[in-house]
Protein backbone atom coordinates (compact mmCIF):
# COMPACT_ATOMS: atom_id res chain seq x y z
CA MET A 1 -0.98 -2.97 9.28
CA ARG A 2 1.89 -0.73 7.99
CA ALA A 3 1.66 1.20 4.95
CA VAL A 4 3.85 3.48 2.58
CA PHE A 5 1.12 5.55 0.67
CA GLN A 6 3.06 7.32 -2.36
CA ARG A 7 1.01 9.24 -4.80
CA VAL A 8 1.94 8.65 -8.40
CA THR A 9 1.24 9.61 -11.96
CA ARG A 10 2.01 6.22 -12.71
CA ALA A 11 3.67 2.90 -11.15
CA SER A 12 4.20 -0.73 -12.49
CA VAL A 13 5.49 -3.71 -10.95
CA SER A 14 7.14 -6.84 -12.54
CA VAL A 15 8.24 -10.30 -11.79
CA ASP A 16 10.96 -12.19 -13.76
CA GLY A 17 11.48 -9.39 -16.07
CA LYS A 18 7.46 -9.87 -16.77
CA GLU A 19 5.32 -6.73 -16.41
CA VAL A 20 2.16 -8.34 -13.94
CA ALA A 21 0.59 -5.11 -13.30
CA SER A 22 0.27 -1.28 -13.36
CA VAL A 23 -1.82 2.18 -12.68
CA GLY A 24 -1.60 5.10 -13.89
CA LYS A 25 -2.58 8.03 -11.60
CA GLY A 26 -3.47 7.10 -8.28
CA ALA A 27 -0.62 5.45 -5.39
CA MET A 28 1.33 2.98 -5.33
CA VAL A 29 0.92 1.16 -1.69
CA LEU A 30 3.33 -0.99 0.15
CA LEU A 31 1.52 -2.80 2.45
CA ALA A 32 2.57 -5.37 5.45
CA VAL A 33 0.63 -7.64 7.63
CA GLY A 34 0.99 -7.46 11.26
CA LYS A 35 1.02 -10.84 13.18
CA GLU A 36 -1.47 -9.26 15.35
CA ASP A 37 -3.62 -7.62 12.27
CA THR A 38 -7.48 -9.07 11.82
CA GLU A 39 -10.32 -8.01 9.30
CA LYS A 40 -10.70 -5.10 11.14
CA ASP A 41 -6.99 -3.87 10.09
CA VAL A 42 -7.94 -4.51 6.53
CA GLU A 43 -11.34 -2.20 6.64
CA TYR A 44 -9.18 0.24 8.56
CA MET A 45 -6.36 0.35 5.95
CA ALA A 46 -8.48 0.42 2.90
CA GLU A 47 -10.73 3.01 4.18
CA LYS A 48 -7.55 5.20 5.07
CA ILE A 49 -6.24 4.62 1.45
CA ALA A 50 -9.42 5.27 -0.24
CA GLY A 51 -9.84 8.60 1.61
CA LEU A 52 -6.63 9.80 1.77
CA ARG A 53 -7.19 13.66 1.01
CA VAL A 54 -3.81 14.29 -0.64
CA PHE A 55 -4.83 15.37 -4.22
CA PRO A 56 -4.89 18.99 -5.59
CA ASP A 57 -8.17 20.35 -5.79
CA SER A 58 -8.39 23.28 -8.43
CA ASP A 59 -6.75 25.82 -5.57
CA GLY A 60 -3.88 23.53 -5.66
CA LYS A 61 -4.40 22.69 -2.13
CA MET A 62 -4.24 18.85 -0.67
CA ASN A 63 -8.03 18.15 -0.55
CA LEU A 64 -9.14 15.45 -2.94
CA SER A 65 -8.94 11.60 -2.30
CA LEU A 66 -8.35 8.48 -4.92
CA THR A 67 -12.66 8.43 -4.67
CA ASP A 68 -12.61 11.66 -5.91
CA VAL A 69 -9.93 11.63 -8.70
CA GLY A 70 -10.95 8.42 -10.23
CA GLY A 71 -6.86 7.36 -9.08
CA GLU A 72 -6.21 3.71 -9.07
CA VAL A 73 -3.88 2.18 -6.08
CA LEU A 74 -0.91 -0.41 -7.14
CA LEU A 75 -1.16 -2.72 -3.58
CA ILE A 76 2.76 -4.03 -3.43
CA SER A 77 3.05 -6.81 -0.43
CA GLN A 78 6.07 -5.43 1.94
CA PHE A 79 6.74 -7.36 5.06
CA THR A 80 9.89 -5.15 5.64
CA LEU A 81 8.24 -3.04 6.85
CA TYR A 82 8.34 -4.76 9.83
CA GLY A 83 11.46 -4.46 9.89
CA ASP A 84 12.75 -3.88 13.22
CA VAL A 85 16.95 -2.48 13.85
CA LYS A 86 16.57 -1.39 17.25
CA LYS A 87 19.33 -3.95 18.12
CA GLY A 88 22.27 -4.41 15.75
CA LYS A 89 22.35 -3.73 12.17
CA ARG A 90 20.37 -6.64 11.05
CA PRO A 91 16.08 -6.80 11.05
CA GLY A 92 14.35 -8.70 12.50
CA PHE A 93 10.60 -9.28 11.33
CA ASP A 94 9.33 -11.19 14.42
CA GLY A 95 6.19 -8.11 13.98
CA ALA A 96 5.07 -10.05 10.54
CA ALA A 97 2.52 -11.97 9.95
CA PRO A 98 3.23 -15.49 9.07
CA PRO A 99 2.94 -16.20 5.22
CA GLU A 100 -0.72 -17.60 4.85
CA MET A 101 -1.82 -14.85 7.45
CA GLY A 102 -0.49 -12.08 5.56
CA GLU A 103 -1.35 -13.16 1.81
CA ARG A 104 -4.47 -13.74 2.90
CA LEU A 105 -4.81 -10.38 4.48
CA TYR A 106 -3.38 -8.46 1.77
CA LEU A 107 -5.92 -9.92 -0.93
CA HIS A 108 -8.21 -8.82 1.53
CA THR A 109 -7.01 -5.51 1.59
CA ALA A 110 -7.58 -5.08 -2.11
CA GLU A 111 -10.99 -6.22 -2.40
CA ALA A 112 -11.77 -3.59 0.03
CA LEU A 113 -10.46 -0.79 -1.78
CA ASN A 114 -12.09 -2.24 -5.33
CA ARG A 115 -15.34 -2.25 -3.19
CA LEU A 116 -14.41 0.77 -1.93
CA GLY A 117 -14.68 1.80 -5.72
CA VAL A 118 -10.89 2.22 -6.08
CA PRO A 119 -9.32 0.32 -8.83
CA THR A 120 -6.48 -1.43 -7.53
CA ARG A 121 -3.93 -3.93 -8.29
CA THR A 122 -1.57 -5.69 -7.18
CA GLY A 123 2.22 -7.16 -6.98
CA VAL A 124 2.93 -11.49 -6.39
CA PHE A 125 3.25 -12.24 -2.43
CA GLY A 126 6.20 -13.64 -1.65
CA ALA A 127 7.51 -13.05 -5.21
CA TYR A 128 10.75 -11.25 -5.61
CA MET A 129 9.43 -8.06 -7.36
CA GLN A 130 10.64 -5.06 -9.26
CA VAL A 131 8.39 -1.72 -9.15
CA GLU A 132 8.52 1.36 -10.79
CA LEU A 133 6.90 4.53 -10.20
CA VAL A 134 6.67 7.99 -10.59
CA ASN A 135 6.19 9.89 -7.26
CA ASP A 136 3.99 12.75 -7.31
CA GLY A 137 5.08 15.55 -5.55
CA PRO A 138 6.39 13.87 -4.66
CA VAL A 139 3.70 12.93 -1.57
CA THR A 140 4.37 9.90 0.69
CA ILE A 141 2.30 9.07 3.83
CA LEU A 142 2.96 6.62 6.37
CA ILE A 143 -0.17 4.72 7.91
CA SER A 144 -0.64 2.45 10.52
CA SER A 145 -3.84 0.80 11.63
CA LYS A 146 -2.23 0.47 15.12
CA LYS A 147 -2.02 4.58 15.47
CA GLU A 148 2.25 3.93 15.87
CA PHE A 149 2.99 6.68 13.61
């Protein structure tokens, strides 16, 4: 799995001009499922997202996690994170999971985050979405369950 974690003061997602989910303080996470991913990757990713220490403590140091600050997550499916542009200029998506598998593991990731005590809302898998966010910091972290970053 690959993810882009952005610390936010607020974020929302809309489909066909209608807001389907929003969060306040916390993170907006773009999540891509790879064709080799399993439930083990889901658990790794959920624990990493929930525990990532990117929120300031009383001294202003990034020492606190989503669980520490009571933050929320807006989880957005983003298969294009598996876009490969090594050859040419048009990305190939051979590394991305097929849609049925991608949706299943994406939704399991949201469930895992909720089980870890992080309120998580989702976009609509496979839909054309508009995402709005206020990146706080800005803080943006790349995460991979395969240790590729």
